[in-house]
Amino acid sequence: MKVYFRVDSGSNIGSGHIMRCLTLAQNMDMDICFISSDFKNNMNEYISKYHPIIILHKSAMYDNLHVEYDWKTDAKETINVIKKDCILIVDHYCLCYEWENMIKPYTKKLVVIDDLHNRKHNCDILIDQNPYTSNPYLDLVPLHCKTLIGPEYVMLNSKFNQKKEHTGNIKHISICFGGSDPNDYTYKTIKCILNNKNNISNYKTLSFDVIVGKMYKYYDNLYQFIKNEINMDLYYNISNMQEMLLKADLCIGSCGTMAYERCYVGIPSIVISIVDNQLHGAIMLDKYNTINHICHLTVDNKKLIDTLNHYRSHPEYVLEQHQNCLKLVDGDGSKRIVSHIMT
């Protein structure tokens, strides 16, 4: 059976939707094809290394997600390229309930990946890897829809297969805010750290890996800013994230899929939620004591430095978070999802 993934990437969207779809596809022994639009700084060439990809007409798309999305044209173009009675998996905030109503008659099974829990869906399976105290989708999906909710359904790349043995000591810190970081929280975080060297306990004993993605548009400025910092190394568009995380004792970054990758490896995190759709996940992961969520849509300099110092002076707290991380994500989420899709 043909399986299609309808998913986009770009400067404003980032790369997270693509990466979790590629991870899911990696676990499916099926005839797979991706359908994507031609946003600026997209990952379409990267996708094509692994799967066939159909590019929708750019005239139907917008690089700015704040303008009204032409979901009708998108639906018509998608219908034109899919084979009837296929499995269609969609991971897209701009494709709405009405889009699903148009598409569904042409599919055998419609699967939606979402984490907004604030809109209706007409689908057969709904996937949300964030933790909840109760299922928020019960009134938002049809009665027949399977809802696969929680960290047991985290879509983790198969490259993640090692756990860190943590001592509780913080010496090496990884800083990463995803593949695009359009509002440059990377720079804001580093600026805060460099401006507060004297306020960070034993700063000279720390080392930092600063990691940015392919869609990060401030690379030249960032390079100039930290090139003379002897304890900071800058990495661009890496393919060995697990290796980088295993080096780290603590991470500073955003929420989303990367937070679950850090959990799997067993790395405590200081988290800044950098878009609204990360807020719920960050709050819940903080409640599980796997991260320390310090602020939303801003960098609170005092909180960041105080939290960093707290980790450095409380190794027992670090080890507690380390164990909580390991318990939360087991790495088999994609396999569980595929099993549900194929039954």
C-alpha atoms as a PDB file:
ATOM      1  CA  MET A   1       0.000   0.000   0.000  1.00  0.00           C
ATOM      2  CA  LYS A   2       1.167   3.527  -0.777  1.00  0.00           C
ATOM      3  CA  VAL A   3       1.941   5.780   2.192  1.00  0.00           C
ATOM      4  CA  TYR A   4       2.146   9.552   1.743  1.00  0.00           C
ATOM      5  CA  PHE A   5       3.458  12.116   4.204  1.00  0.00           C
ATOM      6  CA  ARG A   6       2.088  15.654   3.825  1.00  0.00           C
ATOM      7  CA  VAL A   7       4.562  17.830   5.717  1.00  0.00           C
ATOM      8  CA  ASP A   8       6.509  21.071   5.217  1.00  0.00           C
ATOM      9  CA  SER A   9       9.713  22.713   6.385  1.00  0.00           C
ATOM     10  CA  GLY A  10      11.303  26.143   6.064  1.00  0.00           C
ATOM     11  CA  SER A  11      12.729  29.143   7.864  1.00  0.00           C
ATOM     12  CA  ASN A  12       9.532  29.871   9.788  1.00  0.00           C
ATOM     13  CA  ILE A  13       8.315  26.279  10.176  1.00  0.00           C
ATOM     14  CA  GLY A  14      11.635  24.733  11.148  1.00  0.00           C
ATOM     15  CA  SER A  15      12.685  21.127  10.619  1.00  0.00           C
ATOM     16  CA  GLY A  16      10.960  19.275  13.469  1.00  0.00           C
ATOM     17  CA  HIS A  17       7.888  18.155  11.503  1.00  0.00           C
ATOM     18  CA  ILE A  18      10.077  16.707   8.752  1.00  0.00           C
ATOM     19  CA  MET A  19      12.388  14.914  11.145  1.00  0.00           C
ATOM     20  CA  ARG A  20       9.621  13.146  13.046  1.00  0.00           C
ATOM     21  CA  CYS A  21       7.945  12.105   9.781  1.00  0.00           C
ATOM     22  CA  LEU A  22      11.238  10.751   8.443  1.00  0.00           C
ATOM     23  CA  THR A  23      11.655   8.869  11.710  1.00  0.00           C
ATOM     24  CA  LEU A  24       8.203   7.322  11.367  1.00  0.00           C
ATOM     25  CA  ALA A  25       8.866   6.450   7.713  1.00  0.00           C
ATOM     26  CA  GLN A  26      12.102   4.788   8.778  1.00  0.00           C
ATOM     27  CA  ASN A  27      10.025   2.228  10.665  1.00  0.00           C
ATOM     28  CA  MET A  28       7.593   1.462   7.816  1.00  0.00           C
ATOM     29  CA  ASP A  29       8.350  -1.243   5.273  1.00  0.00           C
ATOM     30  CA  MET A  30       6.042   0.383   2.720  1.00  0.00           C
ATOM     31  CA  ASP A  31       6.049   2.329  -0.551  1.00  0.00           C
ATOM     32  CA  ILE A  32       6.563   5.839   0.826  1.00  0.00           C
ATOM     33  CA  CYS A  33       6.352   9.270  -0.807  1.00  0.00           C
ATOM     34  CA  PHE A  34       6.577  12.750   0.734  1.00  0.00           C
ATOM     35  CA  ILE A  35       4.449  15.705  -0.405  1.00  0.00           C
ATOM     36  CA  SER A  36       5.890  19.114   0.465  1.00  0.00           C
ATOM     37  CA  SER A  37       5.657  22.726  -0.597  1.00  0.00           C
ATOM     38  CA  ASP A  38       8.536  24.914  -1.669  1.00  0.00           C
ATOM     39  CA  PHE A  39       9.052  27.176   1.310  1.00  0.00           C
ATOM     40  CA  LYS A  40      12.260  29.165   1.657  1.00  0.00           C
ATOM     41  CA  ASN A  41      15.148  27.182   3.200  1.00  0.00           C
ATOM     42  CA  ASN A  42      13.196  23.927   3.060  1.00  0.00           C
ATOM     43  CA  MET A  43      14.501  20.388   3.556  1.00  0.00           C
ATOM     44  CA  ASN A  44      13.135  18.943   0.315  1.00  0.00           C
ATOM     45  CA  GLU A  45      16.575  18.027  -1.033  1.00  0.00           C
ATOM     46  CA  TYR A  46      17.361  16.263   2.246  1.00  0.00           C
ATOM     47  CA  ILE A  47      14.084  14.312   2.086  1.00  0.00           C
ATOM     48  CA  SER A  48      14.845  13.227  -1.487  1.00  0.00           C
ATOM     49  CA  LYS A  49      17.947  11.372  -0.268  1.00  0.00           C
ATOM     50  CA  TYR A  50      15.653   8.899   1.469  1.00  0.00           C
ATOM     51  CA  HIS A  51      12.253   8.980  -0.274  1.00  0.00           C
ATOM     52  CA  PRO A  52      10.568  10.234  -3.446  1.00  0.00           C
ATOM     53  CA  ILE A  53       9.102  13.691  -2.956  1.00  0.00           C
ATOM     54  CA  ILE A  54       6.368  15.581  -4.792  1.00  0.00           C
ATOM     55  CA  ILE A  55       6.610  19.371  -4.671  1.00  0.00           C
ATOM     56  CA  LEU A  56       3.331  21.266  -4.587  1.00  0.00           C
ATOM     57  CA  HIS A  57       3.024  24.506  -6.543  1.00  0.00           C
ATOM     58  CA  LYS A  58       4.532  27.403  -4.667  1.00  0.00           C
ATOM     59  CA  SER A  59       1.613  29.636  -5.707  1.00  0.00           C
ATOM     60  CA  ALA A  60      -0.545  27.875  -3.112  1.00  0.00           C
ATOM     61  CA  MET A  61       1.895  28.360  -0.242  1.00  0.00           C
ATOM     62  CA  TYR A  62       3.133  31.043   2.096  1.00  0.00           C
ATOM     63  CA  ASP A  63       6.482  31.491   3.773  1.00  0.00           C
ATOM     64  CA  ASN A  64       4.824  33.596   6.453  1.00  0.00           C
ATOM     65  CA  LEU A  65       2.642  31.397   8.662  1.00  0.00           C
ATOM     66  CA  HIS A  66       0.791  34.415  10.036  1.00  0.00           C
ATOM     67  CA  VAL A  67      -1.077  35.006   6.761  1.00  0.00           C
ATOM     68  CA  GLU A  68      -4.205  32.999   5.957  1.00  0.00           C
ATOM     69  CA  TYR A  69      -3.238  29.638   4.498  1.00  0.00           C
ATOM     70  CA  ASP A  70      -4.825  28.533   1.210  1.00  0.00           C
ATOM     71  CA  TRP A  71      -5.901  25.118   2.459  1.00  0.00           C
ATOM     72  CA  LYS A  72      -8.407  24.583  -0.389  1.00  0.00           C
ATOM     73  CA  THR A  73      -5.729  24.828  -3.071  1.00  0.00           C
ATOM     74  CA  ASP A  74      -3.445  22.683  -0.951  1.00  0.00           C
ATOM     75  CA  ALA A  75      -6.147  20.007  -0.639  1.00  0.00           C
ATOM     76  CA  LYS A  76      -6.895  20.022  -4.376  1.00  0.00           C
ATOM     77  CA  GLU A  77      -3.209  19.674  -5.259  1.00  0.00           C
ATOM     78  CA  THR A  78      -2.727  16.913  -2.709  1.00  0.00           C
ATOM     79  CA  ILE A  79      -5.737  14.990  -4.062  1.00  0.00           C
ATOM     80  CA  ASN A  80      -4.290  15.276  -7.567  1.00  0.00           C
ATOM     81  CA  VAL A  81      -1.029  13.540  -6.592  1.00  0.00           C
ATOM     82  CA  ILE A  82      -2.119  10.793  -4.186  1.00  0.00           C
ATOM     83  CA  LYS A  83      -3.373   7.356  -5.163  1.00  0.00           C
ATOM     84  CA  LYS A  84      -6.864   6.529  -3.931  1.00  0.00           C
ATOM     85  CA  ASP A  85      -7.108   4.216  -0.911  1.00  0.00           C
ATOM     86  CA  CYS A  86      -3.660   5.183   0.342  1.00  0.00           C
ATOM     87  CA  ILE A  87      -2.494   5.893   3.871  1.00  0.00           C
ATOM     88  CA  LEU A  88      -1.951   9.635   4.264  1.00  0.00           C
ATOM     89  CA  ILE A  89      -0.016  10.962   7.266  1.00  0.00           C
ATOM     90  CA  VAL A  90      -0.182  14.721   7.795  1.00  0.00           C
ATOM     91  CA  ASP A  91       1.963  16.777  10.175  1.00  0.00           C
ATOM     92  CA  HIS A  92       1.038  20.429   9.584  1.00  0.00           C
ATOM     93  CA  TYR A  93      -0.405  23.192  11.762  1.00  0.00           C
ATOM     94  CA  CYS A  94      -1.972  25.039   8.803  1.00  0.00           C
ATOM     95  CA  LEU A  95      -3.933  22.106   7.378  1.00  0.00           C
ATOM     96  CA  CYS A  96      -7.291  22.223   9.085  1.00  0.00           C
ATOM     97  CA  TYR A  97     -10.441  20.172   9.708  1.00  0.00           C
ATOM     98  CA  GLU A  98     -11.917  21.356   6.381  1.00  0.00           C
ATOM     99  CA  TRP A  99      -8.753  20.215   4.557  1.00  0.00           C
ATOM    100  CA  GLU A 100      -9.122  16.795   6.171  1.00  0.00           C
ATOM    101  CA  ASN A 101     -12.793  16.617   5.120  1.00  0.00           C
ATOM    102  CA  MET A 102     -11.788  17.194   1.484  1.00  0.00           C
ATOM    103  CA  ILE A 103      -8.920  14.700   1.605  1.00  0.00           C
ATOM    104  CA  LYS A 104     -10.390  11.842   3.607  1.00  0.00           C
ATOM    105  CA  PRO A 105     -12.626  10.261   0.877  1.00  0.00           C
ATOM    106  CA  TYR A 106      -9.472   9.651  -1.166  1.00  0.00           C
ATOM    107  CA  THR A 107      -7.648   7.764   1.581  1.00  0.00           C
ATOM    108  CA  LYS A 108      -8.005   4.390   3.233  1.00  0.00           C
ATOM    109  CA  LYS A 109      -6.598   5.793   6.449  1.00  0.00           C
ATOM    110  CA  LEU A 110      -5.893   9.392   7.436  1.00  0.00           C
ATOM    111  CA  VAL A 111      -3.342   9.852  10.226  1.00  0.00           C
ATOM    112  CA  VAL A 112      -2.743  13.240  11.884  1.00  0.00           C
ATOM    113  CA  ILE A 113       0.304  14.184  13.954  1.00  0.00           C
ATOM    114  CA  ASP A 114      -0.532  17.161  16.151  1.00  0.00           C
ATOM    115  CA  ASP A 115       0.329  18.760  19.478  1.00  0.00           C
ATOM    116  CA  LEU A 116      -2.011  21.755  19.560  1.00  0.00           C
ATOM    117  CA  HIS A 117      -5.077  19.997  21.102  1.00  0.00           C
ATOM    118  CA  ASN A 118      -7.222  23.036  20.250  1.00  0.00           C
ATOM    119  CA  ARG A 119      -8.909  22.119  16.937  1.00  0.00           C
ATOM    120  CA  LYS A 120     -11.158  19.444  15.470  1.00  0.00           C
ATOM    121  CA  HIS A 121      -9.832  16.633  13.271  1.00  0.00           C
ATOM    122  CA  ASN A 122     -11.484  14.205  10.880  1.00  0.00           C
ATOM    123  CA  CYS A 123      -8.979  11.380  10.977  1.00  0.00           C
ATOM    124  CA  ASP A 124      -8.588   7.701  11.800  1.00  0.00           C
ATOM    125  CA  ILE A 125      -5.542   8.025  14.049  1.00  0.00           C
ATOM    126  CA  LEU A 126      -4.364  11.056  16.040  1.00  0.00           C
ATOM    127  CA  ILE A 127      -0.799  11.120  17.398  1.00  0.00           C
ATOM    128  CA  ASP A 128       0.474  13.527  20.056  1.00  0.00           C
ATOM    129  CA  GLN A 129       3.697  12.605  21.837  1.00  0.00           C
ATOM    130  CA  ASN A 130       3.307  15.165  24.627  1.00  0.00           C
ATOM    131  CA  PRO A 131       2.290  14.098  28.148  1.00  0.00           C
ATOM    132  CA  TYR A 132      -1.202  14.930  29.448  1.00  0.00           C
ATOM    133  CA  THR A 133      -3.096  14.250  32.641  1.00  0.00           C
ATOM    134  CA  SER A 134      -6.156  13.335  30.513  1.00  0.00           C
ATOM    135  CA  ASN A 135      -6.877  12.921  26.805  1.00  0.00           C
ATOM    136  CA  PRO A 136      -7.561  16.433  25.385  1.00  0.00           C
ATOM    137  CA  TYR A 137      -8.734  15.112  21.993  1.00  0.00           C
ATOM    138  CA  LEU A 138     -11.815  13.120  23.043  1.00  0.00           C
ATOM    139  CA  ASP A 139     -14.215  15.842  21.859  1.00  0.00           C
ATOM    140  CA  LEU A 140     -12.056  16.842  18.875  1.00  0.00           C
ATOM    141  CA  VAL A 141     -11.942  13.608  16.848  1.00  0.00           C
ATOM    142  CA  PRO A 142     -14.542  11.109  15.519  1.00  0.00           C
ATOM    143  CA  LEU A 143     -15.623   8.275  17.818  1.00  0.00           C
ATOM    144  CA  HIS A 144     -13.757   5.688  15.719  1.00  0.00           C
ATOM    145  CA  CYS A 145     -10.466   7.592  15.869  1.00  0.00           C
ATOM    146  CA  LYS A 146      -7.573   6.023  17.776  1.00  0.00           C
ATOM    147  CA  THR A 147      -5.739   8.595  19.897  1.00  0.00           C
ATOM    148  CA  LEU A 148      -2.090   7.732  20.534  1.00  0.00           C
ATOM    149  CA  ILE A 149      -1.151  10.138  23.305  1.00  0.00           C
ATOM    150  CA  GLY A 150       1.960  10.594  25.446  1.00  0.00           C
ATOM    151  CA  PRO A 151       5.727   9.987  25.514  1.00  0.00           C
ATOM    152  CA  GLU A 152       5.285   6.275  24.750  1.00  0.00           C
ATOM    153  CA  TYR A 153       4.619   7.500  21.182  1.00  0.00           C
ATOM    154  CA  VAL A 154       7.691   9.736  20.856  1.00  0.00           C
ATOM    155  CA  MET A 155       9.084   9.396  17.327  1.00  0.00           C
ATOM    156  CA  LEU A 156      12.790   8.999  17.994  1.00  0.00           C
ATOM    157  CA  ASN A 157      15.372   8.553  15.248  1.00  0.00           C
ATOM    158  CA  SER A 158      16.923   5.072  15.289  1.00  0.00           C
ATOM    159  CA  LYS A 159      20.362   6.709  15.566  1.00  0.00           C
ATOM    160  CA  PHE A 160      19.465   7.302  19.201  1.00  0.00           C
ATOM    161  CA  ASN A 161      20.475   4.031  20.825  1.00  0.00           C
ATOM    162  CA  GLN A 162      22.798   4.950  23.698  1.00  0.00           C
ATOM    163  CA  LYS A 163      22.236   6.278  27.210  1.00  0.00           C
ATOM    164  CA  LYS A 164      24.541   8.577  29.142  1.00  0.00           C
ATOM    165  CA  GLU A 165      26.108   7.514  32.408  1.00  0.00           C
ATOM    166  CA  HIS A 166      25.873  10.720  34.418  1.00  0.00           C
ATOM    167  CA  THR A 167      28.074  11.623  37.389  1.00  0.00           C
ATOM    168  CA  GLY A 168      25.897  14.552  38.462  1.00  0.00           C
ATOM    169  CA  ASN A 169      28.670  17.048  37.743  1.00  0.00           C
ATOM    170  CA  ILE A 170      28.127  19.802  35.169  1.00  0.00           C
ATOM    171  CA  LYS A 171      31.226  20.550  33.113  1.00  0.00           C
ATOM    172  CA  HIS A 172      30.100  20.385  29.488  1.00  0.00           C
ATOM    173  CA  ILE A 173      26.945  22.172  28.232  1.00  0.00           C
ATOM    174  CA  SER A 174      25.172  21.858  24.889  1.00  0.00           C
ATOM    175  CA  ILE A 175      23.185  24.836  23.556  1.00  0.00           C
ATOM    176  CA  CYS A 176      20.704  24.153  20.751  1.00  0.00           C
ATOM    177  CA  PHE A 177      17.390  25.726  19.766  1.00  0.00           C
ATOM    178  CA  GLY A 178      16.506  23.547  16.793  1.00  0.00           C
ATOM    179  CA  GLY A 179      17.048  23.625  13.059  1.00  0.00           C
ATOM    180  CA  SER A 180      16.000  27.212  12.329  1.00  0.00           C
ATOM    181  CA  ASP A 181      15.701  29.282  15.532  1.00  0.00           C
ATOM    182  CA  PRO A 182      14.179  32.226  13.602  1.00  0.00           C
ATOM    183  CA  ASN A 183      14.166  34.553  16.627  1.00  0.00           C
ATOM    184  CA  ASP A 184      17.771  33.704  17.520  1.00  0.00           C
ATOM    185  CA  TYR A 185      17.417  32.399  21.051  1.00  0.00           C
ATOM    186  CA  THR A 186      20.860  30.869  20.521  1.00  0.00           C
ATOM    187  CA  TYR A 187      22.465  34.303  20.431  1.00  0.00           C
ATOM    188  CA  LYS A 188      20.308  35.634  23.278  1.00  0.00           C
ATOM    189  CA  THR A 189      21.299  32.704  25.493  1.00  0.00           C
ATOM    190  CA  ILE A 190      25.007  32.983  24.733  1.00  0.00           C
ATOM    191  CA  LYS A 191      24.933  36.740  25.238  1.00  0.00           C
ATOM    192  CA  CYS A 192      23.383  36.200  28.668  1.00  0.00           C
ATOM    193  CA  ILE A 193      26.067  33.664  29.595  1.00  0.00           C
ATOM    194  CA  LEU A 194      28.967  35.823  28.383  1.00  0.00           C
ATOM    195  CA  ASN A 195      27.601  38.893  30.127  1.00  0.00           C
ATOM    196  CA  ASN A 196      27.383  36.984  33.385  1.00  0.00           C
ATOM    197  CA  LYS A 197      30.685  35.096  33.480  1.00  0.00           C
ATOM    198  CA  ASN A 198      31.447  36.509  36.897  1.00  0.00           C
ATOM    199  CA  ASN A 199      28.076  35.347  38.211  1.00  0.00           C
ATOM    200  CA  ILE A 200      28.453  31.736  37.057  1.00  0.00           C
ATOM    201  CA  SER A 201      30.107  29.404  39.532  1.00  0.00           C
ATOM    202  CA  ASN A 202      33.581  28.382  38.291  1.00  0.00           C
ATOM    203  CA  TYR A 203      32.825  29.614  34.778  1.00  0.00           C
ATOM    204  CA  LYS A 204      36.351  28.851  33.505  1.00  0.00           C
ATOM    205  CA  THR A 205      35.808  25.149  34.158  1.00  0.00           C
ATOM    206  CA  LEU A 206      32.833  25.014  31.795  1.00  0.00           C
ATOM    207  CA  SER A 207      32.879  24.207  28.078  1.00  0.00           C
ATOM    208  CA  PHE A 208      30.056  24.732  25.581  1.00  0.00           C
ATOM    209  CA  ASP A 209      28.947  23.145  22.297  1.00  0.00           C
ATOM    210  CA  VAL A 210      26.785  25.608  20.378  1.00  0.00           C
ATOM    211  CA  ILE A 211      24.745  23.744  17.736  1.00  0.00           C
ATOM    212  CA  VAL A 212      22.735  25.383  14.937  1.00  0.00           C
ATOM    213  CA  GLY A 213      20.842  23.856  12.024  1.00  0.00           C
ATOM    214  CA  LYS A 214      20.800  24.255   8.267  1.00  0.00           C
ATOM    215  CA  MET A 215      18.010  26.839   8.380  1.00  0.00           C
ATOM    216  CA  TYR A 216      19.675  29.045  10.989  1.00  0.00           C
ATOM    217  CA  LYS A 217      20.150  32.392   9.217  1.00  0.00           C
ATOM    218  CA  TYR A 218      22.380  34.161  11.748  1.00  0.00           C
ATOM    219  CA  TYR A 219      25.415  31.888  11.489  1.00  0.00           C
ATOM    220  CA  ASP A 220      27.940  34.536  10.343  1.00  0.00           C
ATOM    221  CA  ASN A 221      26.970  36.936  13.128  1.00  0.00           C
ATOM    222  CA  LEU A 222      27.081  34.179  15.726  1.00  0.00           C
ATOM    223  CA  TYR A 223      30.480  32.994  14.542  1.00  0.00           C
ATOM    224  CA  GLN A 224      31.902  36.498  14.873  1.00  0.00           C
ATOM    225  CA  PHE A 225      30.337  36.862  18.310  1.00  0.00           C
ATOM    226  CA  ILE A 226      31.904  33.750  19.864  1.00  0.00           C
ATOM    227  CA  LYS A 227      35.020  33.100  17.769  1.00  0.00           C
ATOM    228  CA  ASN A 228      37.336  34.329  20.521  1.00  0.00           C
ATOM    229  CA  GLU A 229      35.622  32.381  23.315  1.00  0.00           C
ATOM    230  CA  ILE A 230      38.082  29.570  23.985  1.00  0.00           C
ATOM    231  CA  ASN A 231      35.528  27.411  25.818  1.00  0.00           C
ATOM    232  CA  MET A 232      32.837  27.629  23.086  1.00  0.00           C
ATOM    233  CA  ASP A 233      32.739  25.508  19.927  1.00  0.00           C
ATOM    234  CA  LEU A 234      30.235  26.222  17.143  1.00  0.00           C
ATOM    235  CA  TYR A 235      28.715  23.374  15.091  1.00  0.00           C
ATOM    236  CA  TYR A 236      26.549  23.723  11.968  1.00  0.00           C
ATOM    237  CA  ASN A 237      24.026  21.248  10.526  1.00  0.00           C
ATOM    238  CA  ILE A 238      25.414  18.211  12.312  1.00  0.00           C
ATOM    239  CA  SER A 239      24.344  14.616  11.701  1.00  0.00           C
ATOM    240  CA  ASN A 240      25.644  13.163  14.984  1.00  0.00           C
ATOM    241  CA  MET A 241      23.311  14.693  17.581  1.00  0.00           C
ATOM    242  CA  GLN A 242      23.404  11.639  19.833  1.00  0.00           C
ATOM    243  CA  GLU A 243      27.202  11.831  19.982  1.00  0.00           C
ATOM    244  CA  MET A 244      27.001  15.526  20.871  1.00  0.00           C
ATOM    245  CA  LEU A 245      24.427  14.868  23.589  1.00  0.00           C
ATOM    246  CA  LEU A 246      26.470  12.050  25.110  1.00  0.00           C
ATOM    247  CA  LYS A 247      29.299  14.571  25.602  1.00  0.00           C
ATOM    248  CA  ALA A 248      26.992  16.972  27.438  1.00  0.00           C
ATOM    249  CA  ASP A 249      26.180  17.061  31.130  1.00  0.00           C
ATOM    250  CA  LEU A 250      23.438  19.669  30.670  1.00  0.00           C
ATOM    251  CA  CYS A 251      21.558  21.143  27.730  1.00  0.00           C
ATOM    252  CA  ILE A 252      20.080  24.585  27.209  1.00  0.00           C
ATOM    253  CA  GLY A 253      17.500  24.701  24.451  1.00  0.00           C
ATOM    254  CA  SER A 254      13.911  24.651  23.288  1.00  0.00           C
ATOM    255  CA  CYS A 255      11.188  22.060  23.755  1.00  0.00           C
ATOM    256  CA  GLY A 256       9.680  19.893  20.978  1.00  0.00           C
ATOM    257  CA  THR A 257      11.221  16.689  19.644  1.00  0.00           C
ATOM    258  CA  MET A 258      14.701  17.699  20.792  1.00  0.00           C
ATOM    259  CA  ALA A 259      13.526  17.651  24.408  1.00  0.00           C
ATOM    260  CA  TYR A 260      12.542  14.002  24.024  1.00  0.00           C
ATOM    261  CA  GLU A 261      15.877  13.164  22.380  1.00  0.00           C
ATOM    262  CA  ARG A 262      17.611  14.648  25.419  1.00  0.00           C
ATOM    263  CA  CYS A 263      15.335  12.628  27.703  1.00  0.00           C
ATOM    264  CA  TYR A 264      16.144   9.389  25.911  1.00  0.00           C
ATOM    265  CA  VAL A 265      19.890   9.972  26.272  1.00  0.00           C
ATOM    266  CA  GLY A 266      19.386  11.069  29.879  1.00  0.00           C
ATOM    267  CA  ILE A 267      20.467  14.719  29.778  1.00  0.00           C
ATOM    268  CA  PRO A 268      18.809  17.263  32.105  1.00  0.00           C
ATOM    269  CA  SER A 269      17.821  20.496  30.369  1.00  0.00           C
ATOM    270  CA  ILE A 270      17.206  24.158  30.957  1.00  0.00           C
ATOM    271  CA  VAL A 271      14.334  24.860  28.554  1.00  0.00           C
ATOM    272  CA  ILE A 272      13.013  28.036  26.972  1.00  0.00           C
ATOM    273  CA  SER A 273       9.799  27.442  25.008  1.00  0.00           C
ATOM    274  CA  ILE A 274      10.333  29.531  21.876  1.00  0.00           C
ATOM    275  CA  VAL A 275       6.903  29.158  20.207  1.00  0.00           C
ATOM    276  CA  ASP A 276       3.427  28.841  21.695  1.00  0.00           C
ATOM    277  CA  ASN A 277       2.976  25.231  20.594  1.00  0.00           C
ATOM    278  CA  GLN A 278       5.935  24.211  22.796  1.00  0.00           C
ATOM    279  CA  LEU A 279       4.477  25.658  25.994  1.00  0.00           C
ATOM    280  CA  HIS A 280       2.238  22.775  27.090  1.00  0.00           C
ATOM    281  CA  GLY A 281       4.937  20.155  26.496  1.00  0.00           C
ATOM    282  CA  ALA A 282       7.488  22.247  28.396  1.00  0.00           C
ATOM    283  CA  ILE A 283       5.159  22.714  31.368  1.00  0.00           C
ATOM    284  CA  MET A 284       4.391  18.978  31.531  1.00  0.00           C
ATOM    285  CA  LEU A 285       8.024  17.889  31.163  1.00  0.00           C
ATOM    286  CA  ASP A 286       8.875  20.288  33.977  1.00  0.00           C
ATOM    287  CA  LYS A 287       6.189  18.653  36.138  1.00  0.00           C
ATOM    288  CA  TYR A 288       7.780  15.272  35.381  1.00  0.00           C
ATOM    289  CA  ASN A 289      11.076  16.832  36.570  1.00  0.00           C
ATOM    290  CA  THR A 290      12.906  15.952  33.363  1.00  0.00           C
ATOM    291  CA  ILE A 291      13.602  19.588  32.444  1.00  0.00           C
ATOM    292  CA  ASN A 292      13.635  22.988  34.105  1.00  0.00           C
ATOM    293  CA  HIS A 293      11.317  25.240  32.073  1.00  0.00           C
ATOM    294  CA  ILE A 294      12.466  28.757  32.952  1.00  0.00           C
ATOM    295  CA  CYS A 295      10.616  31.046  30.528  1.00  0.00           C
ATOM    296  CA  HIS A 296       8.417  31.376  27.448  1.00  0.00           C
ATOM    297  CA  LEU A 297       9.166  33.495  24.351  1.00  0.00           C
ATOM    298  CA  THR A 298      11.971  35.340  26.128  1.00  0.00           C
ATOM    299  CA  VAL A 299      15.315  34.779  27.811  1.00  0.00           C
ATOM    300  CA  ASP A 300      15.111  35.661  31.492  1.00  0.00           C
ATOM    301  CA  ASN A 301      18.776  36.364  32.224  1.00  0.00           C
ATOM    302  CA  LYS A 302      18.523  36.041  35.993  1.00  0.00           C
ATOM    303  CA  LYS A 303      16.543  32.797  35.854  1.00  0.00           C
ATOM    304  CA  LEU A 304      18.973  31.312  33.356  1.00  0.00           C
ATOM    305  CA  ILE A 305      22.052  32.082  35.448  1.00  0.00           C
ATOM    306  CA  ASP A 306      20.396  31.107  38.750  1.00  0.00           C
ATOM    307  CA  THR A 307      19.191  27.803  37.264  1.00  0.00           C
ATOM    308  CA  LEU A 308      22.601  27.035  35.771  1.00  0.00           C
ATOM    309  CA  ASN A 309      24.246  27.652  39.138  1.00  0.00           C
ATOM    310  CA  HIS A 310      21.651  25.452  40.844  1.00  0.00           C
ATOM    311  CA  TYR A 311      22.526  22.523  38.579  1.00  0.00           C
ATOM    312  CA  ARG A 312      26.231  23.045  39.207  1.00  0.00           C
ATOM    313  CA  SER A 313      25.863  23.093  42.988  1.00  0.00           C
ATOM    314  CA  HIS A 314      23.332  20.242  43.317  1.00  0.00           C
ATOM    315  CA  PRO A 315      24.610  17.033  41.677  1.00  0.00           C
ATOM    316  CA  GLU A 316      21.867  15.045  43.435  1.00  0.00           C
ATOM    317  CA  TYR A 317      19.270  17.165  41.570  1.00  0.00           C
ATOM    318  CA  VAL A 318      21.074  16.488  38.285  1.00  0.00           C
ATOM    319  CA  LEU A 319      21.042  12.735  38.913  1.00  0.00           C
ATOM    320  CA  GLU A 320      17.348  12.787  39.836  1.00  0.00           C
ATOM    321  CA  GLN A 321      16.475  14.496  36.544  1.00  0.00           C
ATOM    322  CA  HIS A 322      18.782  12.127  34.680  1.00  0.00           C
ATOM    323  CA  GLN A 323      16.862   9.111  36.011  1.00  0.00           C
ATOM    324  CA  ASN A 324      13.488  10.734  35.308  1.00  0.00           C
ATOM    325  CA  CYS A 325      14.547  11.378  31.706  1.00  0.00           C
ATOM    326  CA  LEU A 326      15.547   7.767  31.168  1.00  0.00           C
ATOM    327  CA  LYS A 327      12.199   6.530  32.522  1.00  0.00           C
ATOM    328  CA  LEU A 328      10.123   8.814  30.287  1.00  0.00           C
ATOM    329  CA  VAL A 329      11.260   7.839  26.759  1.00  0.00           C
ATOM    330  CA  ASP A 330      12.133   4.271  25.782  1.00  0.00           C
ATOM    331  CA  GLY A 331      12.746   4.793  22.050  1.00  0.00           C
ATOM    332  CA  ASP A 332      10.019   2.428  20.785  1.00  0.00           C
ATOM    333  CA  GLY A 333       7.350   5.042  20.039  1.00  0.00           C
ATOM    334  CA  SER A 334       7.602   4.817  16.252  1.00  0.00           C
ATOM    335  CA  LYS A 335       7.239   1.042  16.312  1.00  0.00           C
ATOM    336  CA  ARG A 336       4.094   1.336  18.418  1.00  0.00           C
ATOM    337  CA  ILE A 337       2.623   3.918  16.032  1.00  0.00           C
ATOM    338  CA  VAL A 338       3.344   1.811  12.937  1.00  0.00           C
ATOM    339  CA  SER A 339       1.693  -1.191  14.594  1.00  0.00           C
ATOM    340  CA  HIS A 340      -1.493   0.843  15.080  1.00  0.00           C
ATOM    341  CA  ILE A 341      -1.393   2.239  11.533  1.00  0.00           C
ATOM    342  CA  MET A 342      -1.070  -1.217  10.004  1.00  0.00           C
ATOM    343  CA  THR A 343      -3.916  -2.824  11.981  1.00  0.00           C
END
